[in-house]
Amino acid sequence: MQVSLNGNVATLARDITEKSGQPMDIFGGQMDDALKASAAAWARYPYRRSESRESFSQFLFKLLDIPEASNEASGNVTIHQILRLMYADQLSPIGTIFKFEQFDPPLLRDTVGRLVFGAYENELYANELRLRQLDKEFTGVSSELEAISKLVGQTEQILTPSWLEAERRRVQEERKAIDLQISEAERVVYESGLKDSLSLEAQRRAYAEVQKLQGEIGRVTAAIDASKFEIADAGRFIADLEAKLRALNDSSATSDAFGKITFQYCPACYSAIEAQHPEHACHLCKTPFDSERARSRLVSLVNDTSRQLKQSRSLQKDRTEELGRLGGSLVELNSRWQSASDKLTRSVQAPSSQALQNLRTLQRAAGYVDRQLEDLENKARLSAVLEGLIARKGELNAEIGRLADRNAALKAALSKRLSVAYGAVEKEILALLRADLPREQAFIQATSVQFDFAANKLGVNNQSYFSASSRVILRNSFFVGLFGAATKDPSFRHLRLCILDSIEDKGMQPDRSHNFQRMLIAVSQAAVCEHQTIFATSMIAPELDIPNLTVGHYSTLKRPTLNIKTLRQTH
């Protein structure tokens, strides 16, 4: 097949086979030259794109200057999808726009329609995809930033680089001062030798600390035991109150369910009980009885028990919290006791002079300062991470805002373009419908045309049900109207190609078909750009049956028009 792609002539070849997804061979030149060319002069493009090779649809789109339409939802739009808006076949439902396909998602149809109307920009969908990625990253950075901010907040200090540097210098100066003191202490130890007497002061302080902590541990342990006992005792009391409350509620429910119980015989001696008895008195023992007073007493008992249970539970909660606090104190005291005990053991094993004790005190102070420096290094790393996250959050926020603004502008421009294209196509379709032979009242009075690519349906004056032949006219008018609008407006990404194979479908009257053929020829002759229209008919209008408008002969059983055969050797 020889085609003209924006003025560039090419010859396309593709095997006719039952297998799907066949590649396409493309020759850059006219068919006569292509048929004589060697296999090496042809380029084969696969049906599907890959990272290493573009598909024939991508190659053709590039020559046609049509942007690639692809997104997560619609997938990749191929040249086949574009051709579905150029070709009106006989097998598709007559109330639909697109050529029928088994798998045909609405979003794909909408994307193809917008692309052909010139109202599609891949940048919009690429930006939306990028925005989703940025929003996800922004949420992650915000969460991480919040977590680190809480951690930094616990230091009660804003970890700015200037504060960290100032603090590092201060601690380093302190470390230098301690080093000088250690040097002096070492000199004193060296000069005193063994002349100094050993001191037990360190042992005494360590022993006093151990004794003090043991006393505190004993008091806390006793408090824990008392608290546990009190909690257990209160638990039993609460259980009794709960059981009492259930019993009172059961009594009330039983009384409501069964009402007043009357005995016919005494449950003790089995003698008959007189039916007559004083009012407001027990019929069994004749004791004065007030049922309302009993009911009030029962309600009072339920209320008192509920209030007592609530107070007991509140006190039990306080006791439990106090037990938890005491447990935490005991753990801390045990830790301090273990540290003091180790210190006592070391002082007993290594008695020291006063000079050595001073030296060890300075070494411990040096160790503490070293830990401060390490802590500052950790804080510096934390501060760097925090600063990095803040900067990244700002970058993300700026990019999100920029893409959102860009997409808003793109949507406004595309919406305006879609409205212009829709109006142009509608105008062409209305002209065709009004010029139809007077067979359909809605076409005669047509004021608006509705077409929806996603829904894949057509309508006139918000009606979509007409006679079968009128629906054929409407569908063909859409294809011709779209073609006619595209020949006048270069913003349409239409192939300027219109193929009609249903021009006389569904019992079309010959004169009506002839009229539509004349309108199609008129649209073609009015086109100001290179184009091609093809329609198949068995009842061509007489004035159109001329050599410059027809190709080939009439199709018969013995002499069909389709005469497909291999014209060149395949690769």
Protein backbone atom coordinates (compact mmCIF):
# COMPACT_ATOMS: atom_id res chain seq x y z
CA MET A 1 0.00 0.00 0.00
CA GLN A 2 1.38 3.39 -0.99
CA VAL A 3 0.63 6.22 1.42
CA SER A 4 1.45 9.88 1.74
CA LEU A 5 2.40 10.87 5.29
CA ASN A 6 2.57 14.65 5.55
CA GLY A 7 3.92 14.74 1.99
CA ASN A 8 6.37 11.88 2.56
CA VAL A 9 5.56 8.95 0.28
CA ALA A 10 6.04 5.47 1.73
CA THR A 11 4.96 1.96 0.88
CA LEU A 12 3.59 -0.26 3.62
CA ALA A 13 3.44 -4.06 3.50
CA ARG A 14 2.00 -6.46 6.00
CA ASP A 15 1.28 -10.16 5.78
CA ILE A 16 -2.38 -11.22 5.65
CA THR A 17 -2.55 -14.01 8.16
CA GLU A 18 -4.72 -15.34 10.94
CA LYS A 19 -1.98 -14.59 13.46
CA SER A 20 -2.35 -11.34 15.38
CA GLY A 21 0.36 -8.81 16.15
CA GLN A 22 2.12 -9.11 12.79
CA PRO A 23 4.99 -6.68 12.01
CA MET A 24 4.92 -4.14 9.19
CA ASP A 25 7.51 -3.58 6.44
CA ILE A 26 8.00 0.03 5.40
CA PHE A 27 9.76 1.28 2.30
CA GLY A 28 10.57 4.95 1.91
CA GLY A 29 9.30 5.62 -1.61
CA GLN A 30 6.65 4.79 -4.16
CA MET A 31 5.20 1.31 -4.59
CA ASP A 32 6.73 0.82 -8.03
CA ASP A 33 10.18 1.39 -6.57
CA ALA A 34 9.36 -0.68 -3.50
CA LEU A 35 8.39 -3.71 -5.60
CA LYS A 36 11.74 -3.58 -7.37
CA ALA A 37 13.77 -2.90 -4.25
CA SER A 38 15.76 -5.56 -2.43
CA ALA A 39 14.72 -6.83 0.96
CA ALA A 40 17.49 -4.78 2.57
CA ALA A 41 15.82 -1.57 1.38
CA TRP A 42 12.77 -2.33 3.52
CA ALA A 43 12.62 -1.75 7.25
CA ARG A 44 10.59 -4.08 9.45
CA TYR A 45 8.87 -2.67 12.52
CA PRO A 46 7.24 -4.87 15.18
CA TYR A 47 3.63 -4.61 16.27
CA ARG A 48 4.56 -3.96 19.89
CA ARG A 49 7.04 -1.40 21.12
CA SER A 50 10.04 -2.35 23.20
CA GLU A 51 12.92 -0.54 24.85
CA SER A 52 15.22 -1.34 21.95
CA ARG A 53 12.81 -0.97 19.01
CA GLU A 54 9.87 1.28 18.27
CA SER A 55 6.66 -0.20 16.87
CA PHE A 56 5.32 0.59 13.40
CA SER A 57 2.60 2.71 15.07
CA GLN A 58 5.29 4.83 16.75
CA PHE A 59 7.11 5.19 13.44
CA LEU A 60 3.95 6.18 11.54
CA PHE A 61 2.91 8.62 14.29
CA LYS A 62 6.31 10.24 14.00
CA LEU A 63 5.89 10.74 10.25
CA LEU A 64 2.31 11.99 10.79
CA ASP A 65 3.44 14.38 13.54
CA ILE A 66 0.92 12.82 15.92
CA PRO A 67 2.01 12.66 19.57
CA GLU A 68 2.11 9.29 21.23
CA ALA A 69 -0.91 8.88 23.46
CA SER A 70 -0.21 6.58 26.32
CA ASN A 71 -1.11 6.48 29.96
CA GLU A 72 -1.63 3.88 32.64
CA ALA A 73 -5.37 3.67 32.14
CA SER A 74 -5.74 3.70 28.35
CA GLY A 75 -2.47 2.01 27.43
CA ASN A 76 -0.73 2.85 24.15
CA VAL A 77 -2.88 4.19 21.32
CA THR A 78 -1.91 2.51 18.04
CA ILE A 79 -2.52 3.44 14.41
CA HIS A 80 -5.22 0.76 14.43
CA GLN A 81 -7.17 2.70 17.07
CA ILE A 82 -6.92 5.87 14.99
CA LEU A 83 -8.24 4.05 11.92
CA ARG A 84 -11.34 3.02 13.88
CA LEU A 85 -12.53 6.63 13.46
CA MET A 86 -11.79 6.64 9.71
CA TYR A 87 -13.59 3.46 8.71
CA ALA A 88 -17.35 2.79 8.88
CA ASP A 89 -17.83 -0.96 8.50
CA GLN A 90 -20.97 -3.07 8.19
CA LEU A 91 -20.47 -5.41 11.14
CA SER A 92 -20.33 -2.83 13.94
CA PRO A 93 -23.62 -1.85 15.67
CA ILE A 94 -25.13 1.05 13.73
CA GLY A 95 -25.76 3.10 16.87
CA THR A 96 -22.06 3.23 17.76
CA ILE A 97 -19.14 5.33 16.58
CA PHE A 98 -16.10 3.10 16.73
CA LYS A 99 -15.54 -0.08 14.79
CA PHE A 100 -16.51 -2.90 17.14
CA GLU A 101 -13.84 -4.66 19.20
CA GLN A 102 -14.21 -7.25 21.95
CA PHE A 103 -11.92 -5.46 24.40
CA ASP A 104 -12.76 -1.77 24.11
CA PRO A 105 -12.39 0.26 27.33
CA PRO A 106 -14.24 3.62 27.38
CA LEU A 107 -11.12 5.54 28.43
CA LEU A 108 -9.25 4.25 25.39
CA ARG A 109 -12.06 5.43 23.09
CA ASP A 110 -12.11 8.82 24.82
CA THR A 111 -8.34 9.13 24.44
CA VAL A 112 -8.52 8.27 20.73
CA GLY A 113 -11.35 10.77 20.20
CA ARG A 114 -9.47 13.56 21.97
CA LEU A 115 -6.31 12.71 20.04
CA VAL A 116 -8.07 12.89 16.65
CA PHE A 117 -9.80 16.13 17.68
CA GLY A 118 -6.41 17.65 18.50
CA ALA A 119 -7.39 17.95 22.15
CA TYR A 120 -4.84 15.56 23.62
CA GLU A 121 -1.48 16.34 25.12
CA ASN A 122 0.59 13.52 26.47
CA GLU A 123 2.26 16.04 28.75
CA LEU A 124 -0.99 16.32 30.72
CA TYR A 125 -1.09 12.62 31.53
CA ALA A 126 2.66 12.42 32.09
CA ASN A 127 2.29 15.30 34.55
CA GLU A 128 -0.57 13.56 36.34
CA LEU A 129 1.51 10.41 36.64
CA ARG A 130 4.41 12.47 37.94
CA LEU A 131 2.06 14.28 40.36
CA ARG A 132 0.92 10.97 41.83
CA GLN A 133 4.55 9.97 42.35
CA LEU A 134 5.37 13.36 43.90
CA ASP A 135 2.33 13.25 46.20
CA LYS A 136 3.38 9.82 47.42
CA GLU A 137 6.95 10.99 48.05
CA PHE A 138 5.67 14.18 49.68
CA THR A 139 3.56 12.14 52.10
CA GLY A 140 6.56 9.93 52.93
CA VAL A 141 8.89 12.90 53.47
CA SER A 142 6.29 14.65 55.63
CA SER A 143 5.85 11.56 57.81
CA GLU A 144 9.60 11.10 58.19
CA LEU A 145 10.05 14.79 58.91
CA GLU A 146 7.34 14.68 61.56
CA ALA A 147 8.92 11.66 63.24
CA ILE A 148 12.40 13.22 63.30
CA SER A 149 10.98 16.55 64.48
CA LYS A 150 9.38 14.79 67.44
CA LEU A 151 12.70 13.10 68.19
CA VAL A 152 14.58 16.38 67.94
CA GLY A 153 11.92 18.06 70.07
CA GLN A 154 12.83 15.75 72.94
CA THR A 155 16.30 17.34 73.10
CA GLU A 156 14.71 20.65 74.17
CA GLN A 157 17.08 22.36 71.79
CA ILE A 158 16.78 23.50 68.19
CA LEU A 159 19.54 21.63 66.37
CA THR A 160 20.67 24.37 64.05
CA PRO A 161 24.11 24.02 62.41
CA SER A 162 25.32 27.18 64.18
CA TRP A 163 24.24 25.88 67.61
CA LEU A 164 25.86 22.51 66.99
CA GLU A 165 29.13 24.14 65.92
CA ALA A 166 29.16 26.44 68.95
CA GLU A 167 28.39 23.54 71.28
CA ARG A 168 31.10 21.40 69.67
CA ARG A 169 33.68 24.15 70.21
CA ARG A 170 32.60 24.55 73.85
CA VAL A 171 32.87 20.84 74.59
CA GLN A 172 36.21 20.58 72.78
CA GLU A 173 37.54 23.44 74.92
CA GLU A 174 36.29 21.63 78.01
CA ARG A 175 38.05 18.47 76.81
CA LYS A 176 41.32 20.36 76.38
CA ALA A 177 41.03 21.76 79.91
CA ILE A 178 40.45 18.29 81.35
CA ASP A 179 43.43 16.95 79.40
CA LEU A 180 45.60 19.59 81.02
CA GLN A 181 44.25 18.64 84.44
CA ILE A 182 44.88 14.97 83.73
CA SER A 183 48.46 15.73 82.74
CA GLU A 184 48.96 17.61 85.99
CA ALA A 185 47.32 14.80 88.01
CA GLU A 186 49.57 12.20 86.32
CA ARG A 187 52.62 14.31 87.20
CA VAL A 188 51.53 14.44 90.83
CA VAL A 189 50.98 10.68 90.92
CA TYR A 190 54.39 10.05 89.34
CA GLU A 191 56.20 12.37 91.78
CA SER A 192 54.38 11.11 94.91
CA GLY A 193 55.20 7.46 94.09
CA LEU A 194 54.18 5.26 97.04
CA LYS A 195 54.68 7.97 99.58
CA ASP A 196 50.96 8.75 99.81
CA SER A 197 48.92 6.62 102.15
CA LEU A 198 46.00 4.64 100.76
CA SER A 199 42.60 6.22 101.23
CA LEU A 200 39.34 4.36 102.10
CA GLU A 201 37.19 7.41 101.38
CA ALA A 202 36.05 5.97 98.03
CA GLN A 203 34.99 2.71 99.72
CA ARG A 204 33.03 4.59 102.35
CA ARG A 205 31.17 6.69 99.79
CA ALA A 206 30.39 3.63 97.68
CA TYR A 207 29.18 1.65 100.69
CA ALA A 208 26.98 4.54 101.85
CA GLU A 209 25.43 4.77 98.38
CA VAL A 210 24.69 1.03 98.33
CA GLN A 211 23.09 1.22 101.79
CA LYS A 212 20.95 4.18 100.78
CA LEU A 213 19.72 2.46 97.62
CA GLN A 214 18.99 -0.78 99.47
CA GLY A 215 16.79 1.17 101.89
CA GLU A 216 14.90 2.81 99.04
CA ILE A 217 14.49 -0.56 97.29
CA GLY A 218 13.06 -2.04 100.47
CA ARG A 219 10.53 0.78 100.85
CA VAL A 220 9.43 0.58 97.23
CA THR A 221 9.17 -3.22 97.38
CA ALA A 222 6.97 -2.98 100.47
CA ALA A 223 4.81 -0.38 98.77
CA ILE A 224 4.44 -2.67 95.74
CA ASP A 225 3.40 -5.61 97.90
CA ALA A 226 0.85 -3.45 99.73
CA SER A 227 -0.47 -2.09 96.46
CA LYS A 228 -0.84 -5.60 94.99
CA PHE A 229 -2.72 -6.75 98.09
CA GLU A 230 -4.99 -3.72 97.97
CA ILE A 231 -5.66 -4.24 94.26
CA ALA A 232 -6.52 -7.92 94.78
CA ASP A 233 -8.85 -7.09 97.70
CA ALA A 234 -10.52 -4.32 95.75
CA GLY A 235 -10.87 -6.67 92.76
CA ARG A 236 -12.85 -9.14 94.85
CA PHE A 237 -15.01 -6.30 96.17
CA ILE A 238 -15.68 -5.08 92.62
CA ALA A 239 -16.60 -8.62 91.56
CA ASP A 240 -19.07 -8.84 94.46
CA LEU A 241 -20.62 -5.51 93.45
CA GLU A 242 -20.92 -6.66 89.84
CA ALA A 243 -22.60 -9.89 90.94
CA LYS A 244 -24.95 -7.95 93.22
CA LEU A 245 -25.86 -5.57 90.42
CA ARG A 246 -26.59 -8.49 88.07
CA ALA A 247 -28.76 -10.10 90.73
CA LEU A 248 -30.72 -6.88 91.32
CA ASN A 249 -31.25 -6.47 87.59
CA ASP A 250 -32.35 -10.10 87.34
CA SER A 251 -34.82 -9.56 90.19
CA SER A 252 -36.28 -6.52 88.49
CA ALA A 253 -36.56 -8.36 85.18
CA THR A 254 -38.16 -11.39 86.84
CA SER A 255 -40.69 -9.22 88.60
CA ASP A 256 -41.50 -7.43 85.34
CA ALA A 257 -41.84 -10.74 83.49
CA PHE A 258 -43.93 -12.74 85.91
CA GLY A 259 -45.68 -10.01 87.90
CA LYS A 260 -47.11 -10.87 91.27
CA ILE A 261 -46.89 -14.61 92.17
CA THR A 262 -49.95 -16.09 93.88
CA PHE A 263 -50.01 -19.36 95.81
CA GLN A 264 -53.13 -21.52 95.98
CA TYR A 265 -51.65 -23.79 98.70
CA CYS A 266 -49.25 -22.97 101.50
CA PRO A 267 -45.76 -24.17 100.47
CA ALA A 268 -45.13 -25.26 104.16
CA CYS A 269 -48.30 -27.25 105.23
CA TYR A 270 -50.04 -27.63 101.80
CA SER A 271 -53.38 -26.34 103.19
CA ALA A 272 -55.61 -24.25 100.91
CA ILE A 273 -55.09 -20.50 101.16
CA GLU A 274 -58.12 -18.27 101.45
CA ALA A 275 -58.80 -16.36 98.28
CA GLN A 276 -59.86 -13.26 100.21
CA HIS A 277 -57.05 -11.33 101.90
CA PRO A 278 -56.49 -7.70 102.95
CA GLU A 279 -55.50 -5.25 100.22
CA HIS A 280 -51.83 -4.23 100.19
CA ALA A 281 -50.88 -7.28 102.24
CA CYS A 282 -49.16 -10.56 101.52
CA HIS A 283 -51.83 -13.13 100.57
CA LEU A 284 -49.75 -15.86 102.17
CA CYS A 285 -48.82 -14.45 105.63
CA LYS A 286 -51.16 -11.41 105.60
CA THR A 287 -48.30 -9.01 106.44
CA PRO A 288 -48.90 -5.47 105.11
CA PHE A 289 -47.21 -5.18 101.68
CA ASP A 290 -46.65 -2.15 99.41
CA SER A 291 -45.54 -3.20 95.90
CA GLU A 292 -44.62 0.36 94.82
CA ARG A 293 -42.44 0.81 97.87
CA ALA A 294 -40.69 -2.47 97.08
CA ARG A 295 -40.11 -1.33 93.51
CA SER A 296 -38.64 2.01 94.75
CA ARG A 297 -36.38 0.18 97.13
CA LEU A 298 -35.13 -2.07 94.35
CA VAL A 299 -34.37 0.93 92.13
CA SER A 300 -32.56 2.62 95.01
CA LEU A 301 -30.44 -0.47 95.59
CA VAL A 302 -29.52 -0.66 91.90
CA ASN A 303 -28.51 3.02 91.85
CA ASP A 304 -26.45 2.77 95.06
CA THR A 305 -24.68 -0.36 93.83
CA SER A 306 -23.94 1.20 90.41
CA ARG A 307 -22.50 4.35 92.01
CA GLN A 308 -20.39 2.28 94.42
CA LEU A 309 -19.14 0.12 91.55
CA LYS A 310 -18.16 3.17 89.51
CA GLN A 311 -16.22 4.70 92.41
CA SER A 312 -14.49 1.38 93.12
CA ARG A 313 -13.41 0.97 89.52
CA SER A 314 -12.03 4.53 89.46
CA LEU A 315 -10.03 3.88 92.63
CA GLN A 316 -8.84 0.57 91.21
CA LYS A 317 -7.54 2.38 88.13
CA ASP A 318 -5.58 4.79 90.34
CA ARG A 319 -4.14 1.86 92.31
CA THR A 320 -3.08 0.12 89.09
CA GLU A 321 -1.37 3.26 87.80
CA GLU A 322 0.42 3.70 91.13
CA LEU A 323 1.58 0.08 90.98
CA GLY A 324 2.99 0.71 87.52
CA ARG A 325 4.82 3.80 88.75
CA LEU A 326 6.27 1.90 91.70
CA GLY A 327 7.39 -0.89 89.36
CA GLY A 328 9.25 1.63 87.19
CA SER A 329 10.91 3.15 90.27
CA LEU A 330 11.99 -0.29 91.43
CA VAL A 331 13.64 -1.04 88.08
CA GLU A 332 15.52 2.25 88.21
CA LEU A 333 16.59 1.71 91.81
CA ASN A 334 17.82 -1.80 91.04
CA SER A 335 19.86 -0.43 88.14
CA ARG A 336 21.38 2.27 90.35
CA TRP A 337 22.00 -0.30 93.10
CA GLN A 338 23.83 -2.58 90.65
CA SER A 339 26.01 0.32 89.48
CA ALA A 340 26.80 1.35 93.07
CA SER A 341 27.51 -2.26 94.01
CA ASP A 342 29.99 -2.61 91.13
CA LYS A 343 31.64 0.63 92.18
CA LEU A 344 31.97 -0.65 95.74
CA THR A 345 33.48 -3.91 94.50
CA ARG A 346 36.06 -2.07 92.41
CA SER A 347 37.01 0.25 95.29
CA VAL A 348 37.49 -2.74 97.61
CA GLN A 349 39.60 -4.58 95.06
CA ALA A 350 41.72 -1.52 94.19
CA PRO A 351 42.41 0.73 97.18
CA SER A 352 43.72 4.10 95.98
CA SER A 353 45.62 7.14 97.14
CA GLN A 354 44.06 10.60 96.99
CA ALA A 355 46.14 11.50 93.95
CA LEU A 356 44.98 8.42 92.06
CA GLN A 357 41.39 9.12 93.01
CA ASN A 358 41.72 12.61 91.59
CA LEU A 359 43.19 11.18 88.42
CA ARG A 360 40.39 8.67 88.03
CA THR A 361 37.79 11.38 88.63
CA LEU A 362 39.34 13.45 85.86
CA GLN A 363 39.42 10.43 83.52
CA ARG A 364 35.74 9.80 84.16
CA ALA A 365 35.04 13.44 83.44
CA ALA A 366 37.03 13.11 80.20
CA GLY A 367 34.93 10.07 79.27
CA TYR A 368 31.77 12.02 79.93
CA VAL A 369 32.97 14.84 77.70
CA ASP A 370 33.87 12.32 74.99
CA ARG A 371 30.32 10.97 75.12
CA GLN A 372 29.07 14.54 74.79
CA LEU A 373 31.15 14.91 71.63
CA GLU A 374 29.78 11.64 70.25
CA ASP A 375 26.26 12.80 71.08
CA LEU A 376 26.90 16.06 69.26
CA GLU A 377 28.09 14.12 66.20
CA ASN A 378 24.87 12.08 66.25
CA LYS A 379 22.84 15.25 66.60
CA ALA A 380 24.75 16.79 63.72
CA ARG A 381 23.90 13.82 61.51
CA LEU A 382 20.27 14.04 62.65
CA SER A 383 20.26 17.75 61.90
CA ALA A 384 21.69 17.09 58.42
CA VAL A 385 18.95 14.56 57.73
CA LEU A 386 16.37 17.03 59.02
CA GLU A 387 17.70 19.84 56.86
CA GLY A 388 17.75 17.52 53.86
CA LEU A 389 14.14 16.50 54.42
CA ILE A 390 13.03 20.11 54.82
CA ALA A 391 14.79 21.03 51.58
CA ARG A 392 13.32 18.02 49.76
CA LYS A 393 9.84 18.85 51.03
CA GLY A 394 10.22 22.36 49.70
CA GLU A 395 11.40 21.05 46.31
CA LEU A 396 8.50 18.61 46.13
CA ASN A 397 6.01 21.29 47.07
CA ALA A 398 7.38 23.61 44.42
CA GLU A 399 7.34 20.93 41.70
CA ILE A 400 3.82 19.83 42.66
CA GLY A 401 2.63 23.41 42.43
CA ARG A 402 4.36 23.95 39.10
CA LEU A 403 2.92 20.78 37.56
CA ALA A 404 -0.54 21.52 38.96
CA ASP A 405 -0.46 25.00 37.42
CA ARG A 406 0.82 23.59 34.14
CA ASN A 407 -1.91 20.96 34.04
CA ALA A 408 -4.58 23.56 34.83
CA ALA A 409 -3.39 25.61 31.85
CA LEU A 410 -3.24 22.51 29.62
CA LYS A 411 -6.74 21.44 30.64
CA ALA A 412 -8.12 24.89 29.89
CA ALA A 413 -6.46 24.95 26.45
CA LEU A 414 -7.53 21.40 25.62
CA SER A 415 -11.07 22.05 26.79
CA LYS A 416 -11.26 25.08 24.52
CA ARG A 417 -9.82 23.11 21.59
CA LEU A 418 -12.26 20.24 22.23
CA SER A 419 -15.18 22.66 22.20
CA VAL A 420 -14.04 24.21 18.89
CA ALA A 421 -13.51 20.80 17.25
CA TYR A 422 -16.82 19.47 18.56
CA GLY A 423 -18.65 22.49 17.13
CA ALA A 424 -16.95 22.14 13.73
CA VAL A 425 -17.81 18.43 13.45
CA GLU A 426 -21.38 19.03 14.63
CA LYS A 427 -21.81 21.73 11.97
CA GLU A 428 -20.67 19.33 9.22
CA ILE A 429 -22.95 16.54 10.45
CA LEU A 430 -25.98 18.85 10.69
CA ALA A 431 -25.42 19.96 7.09
CA LEU A 432 -25.36 16.33 5.92
CA LEU A 433 -28.46 15.35 7.92
CA ARG A 434 -30.48 18.34 6.69
CA ALA A 435 -29.47 17.54 3.09
CA ASP A 436 -30.63 13.94 3.47
CA LEU A 437 -33.78 12.96 1.59
CA PRO A 438 -36.87 13.71 3.74
CA ARG A 439 -37.18 10.34 5.40
CA GLU A 440 -36.52 11.18 9.07
CA GLN A 441 -38.33 14.03 10.84
CA ALA A 442 -35.55 14.43 13.43
CA PHE A 443 -33.01 14.94 10.64
CA ILE A 444 -35.18 17.57 8.97
CA GLN A 445 -35.48 19.49 12.25
CA ALA A 446 -31.96 18.71 13.47
CA THR A 447 -30.51 21.48 15.62
CA SER A 448 -27.87 19.58 17.56
CA VAL A 449 -25.83 16.40 17.33
CA GLN A 450 -24.52 14.50 20.34
CA PHE A 451 -21.54 12.18 20.11
CA ASP A 452 -19.67 10.69 23.03
CA PHE A 453 -16.47 8.76 22.39
CA ALA A 454 -16.33 7.14 25.82
CA ALA A 455 -19.98 6.05 25.68
CA ASN A 456 -19.58 5.21 21.97
CA LYS A 457 -22.98 6.55 20.93
CA LEU A 458 -24.57 9.10 18.63
CA GLY A 459 -27.73 11.19 18.89
CA VAL A 460 -29.65 13.96 17.18
CA ASN A 461 -31.63 16.48 19.21
CA ASN A 462 -30.96 14.20 22.22
CA GLN A 463 -32.62 11.26 20.44
CA SER A 464 -30.81 8.09 19.44
CA TYR A 465 -33.56 5.78 18.22
CA PHE A 466 -34.40 6.03 14.52
CA SER A 467 -35.16 3.65 11.70
CA ALA A 468 -32.27 1.34 10.80
CA SER A 469 -31.53 3.11 7.49
CA SER A 470 -31.62 6.53 9.22
CA ARG A 471 -29.15 5.30 11.83
CA VAL A 472 -26.86 4.23 8.97
CA ILE A 473 -27.16 7.75 7.55
CA LEU A 474 -26.35 9.23 10.97
CA ARG A 475 -23.29 7.02 11.50
CA ASN A 476 -21.94 7.67 8.00
CA SER A 477 -22.66 11.39 8.44
CA PHE A 478 -20.48 11.37 11.56
CA PHE A 479 -17.53 9.85 9.69
CA VAL A 480 -17.96 12.20 6.72
CA GLY A 481 -18.58 15.18 9.03
CA LEU A 482 -15.40 14.43 11.01
CA PHE A 483 -13.50 14.03 7.74
CA GLY A 484 -14.95 17.29 6.34
CA ALA A 485 -14.07 19.28 9.49
CA ALA A 486 -10.54 17.86 9.47
CA THR A 487 -9.94 18.94 5.87
CA LYS A 488 -10.66 22.54 6.93
CA ASP A 489 -8.82 22.67 10.23
CA PRO A 490 -5.17 21.53 10.42
CA SER A 491 -5.42 21.17 14.22
CA PHE A 492 -7.30 17.88 13.74
CA ARG A 493 -4.96 14.89 13.97
CA HIS A 494 -7.08 13.12 11.41
CA LEU A 495 -5.56 11.07 8.60
CA ARG A 496 -7.74 12.91 6.05
CA LEU A 497 -8.95 9.48 5.07
CA CYS A 498 -12.57 8.30 5.04
CA ILE A 499 -13.62 4.74 4.23
CA LEU A 500 -17.34 3.84 4.11
CA ASP A 501 -18.42 0.24 3.64
CA SER A 502 -21.98 0.68 4.95
CA ILE A 503 -23.36 3.33 2.63
CA GLU A 504 -26.32 1.18 1.57
CA ASP A 505 -26.69 -0.97 4.67
CA LYS A 506 -29.97 -1.81 6.54
CA GLY A 507 -32.43 -1.55 3.61
CA MET A 508 -31.16 1.78 2.31
CA GLN A 509 -33.27 3.09 -0.56
CA PRO A 510 -31.24 3.56 -3.77
CA ASP A 511 -32.17 7.23 -4.20
CA ARG A 512 -31.23 7.95 -0.56
CA SER A 513 -27.92 6.16 -1.04
CA HIS A 514 -27.28 8.10 -4.25
CA ASN A 515 -27.99 11.36 -2.40
CA PHE A 516 -25.48 10.52 0.33
CA GLN A 517 -22.88 9.52 -2.29
CA ARG A 518 -23.28 12.94 -3.93
CA MET A 519 -22.87 14.68 -0.53
CA LEU A 520 -19.69 12.65 0.15
CA ILE A 521 -18.25 13.62 -3.25
CA ALA A 522 -19.12 17.28 -2.56
CA VAL A 523 -17.30 17.19 0.78
CA SER A 524 -14.30 15.61 -0.89
CA GLN A 525 -14.24 18.16 -3.71
CA ALA A 526 -14.49 21.01 -1.19
CA ALA A 527 -11.44 19.78 0.72
CA VAL A 528 -8.42 22.06 0.44
CA CYS A 529 -5.83 19.48 1.46
CA GLU A 530 -4.56 16.16 0.17
CA HIS A 531 -7.03 13.45 1.19
CA GLN A 532 -8.71 10.24 0.14
CA THR A 533 -12.31 8.99 0.39
CA ILE A 534 -13.32 5.44 -0.37
CA PHE A 535 -16.82 3.98 -0.36
CA ALA A 536 -18.08 0.64 -1.57
CA THR A 537 -21.51 0.35 -3.17
CA SER A 538 -23.45 -1.91 -5.46
CA MET A 539 -25.78 0.89 -6.58
CA ILE A 540 -23.60 3.83 -7.46
CA ALA A 541 -25.26 7.09 -8.52
CA PRO A 542 -25.20 7.15 -12.36
CA GLU A 543 -23.36 10.47 -12.65
CA LEU A 544 -20.61 9.19 -10.31
CA ASP A 545 -19.94 6.04 -12.31
CA ILE A 546 -17.11 7.63 -14.23
CA PRO A 547 -13.47 6.51 -14.55
CA ASN A 548 -11.90 9.26 -12.45
CA LEU A 549 -14.11 8.37 -9.44
CA THR A 550 -14.31 4.57 -9.67
CA VAL A 551 -11.71 1.85 -9.37
CA GLY A 552 -11.94 -1.63 -10.84
CA HIS A 553 -15.04 -3.49 -11.89
CA TYR A 554 -18.25 -4.73 -10.30
CA SER A 555 -17.69 -7.64 -7.94
CA THR A 556 -19.21 -10.95 -9.03
CA LEU A 557 -18.96 -14.48 -7.74
CA LYS A 558 -16.71 -15.53 -10.58
CA ARG A 559 -14.80 -12.27 -10.65
CA PRO A 560 -14.43 -10.79 -7.14
CA THR A 561 -12.86 -7.39 -6.65
CA LEU A 562 -10.54 -8.59 -3.90
CA ASN A 563 -7.71 -10.36 -5.67
CA ILE A 564 -5.11 -10.71 -2.98
CA LYS A 565 -1.88 -12.43 -3.84
CA THR A 566 1.74 -12.19 -2.96
CA LEU A 567 3.44 -9.60 -5.16
CA ARG A 568 6.94 -9.84 -3.72
CA GLN A 569 9.00 -12.24 -1.77
CA THR A 570 8.75 -11.79 1.96
CA HIS A 571 11.87 -11.32 4.01
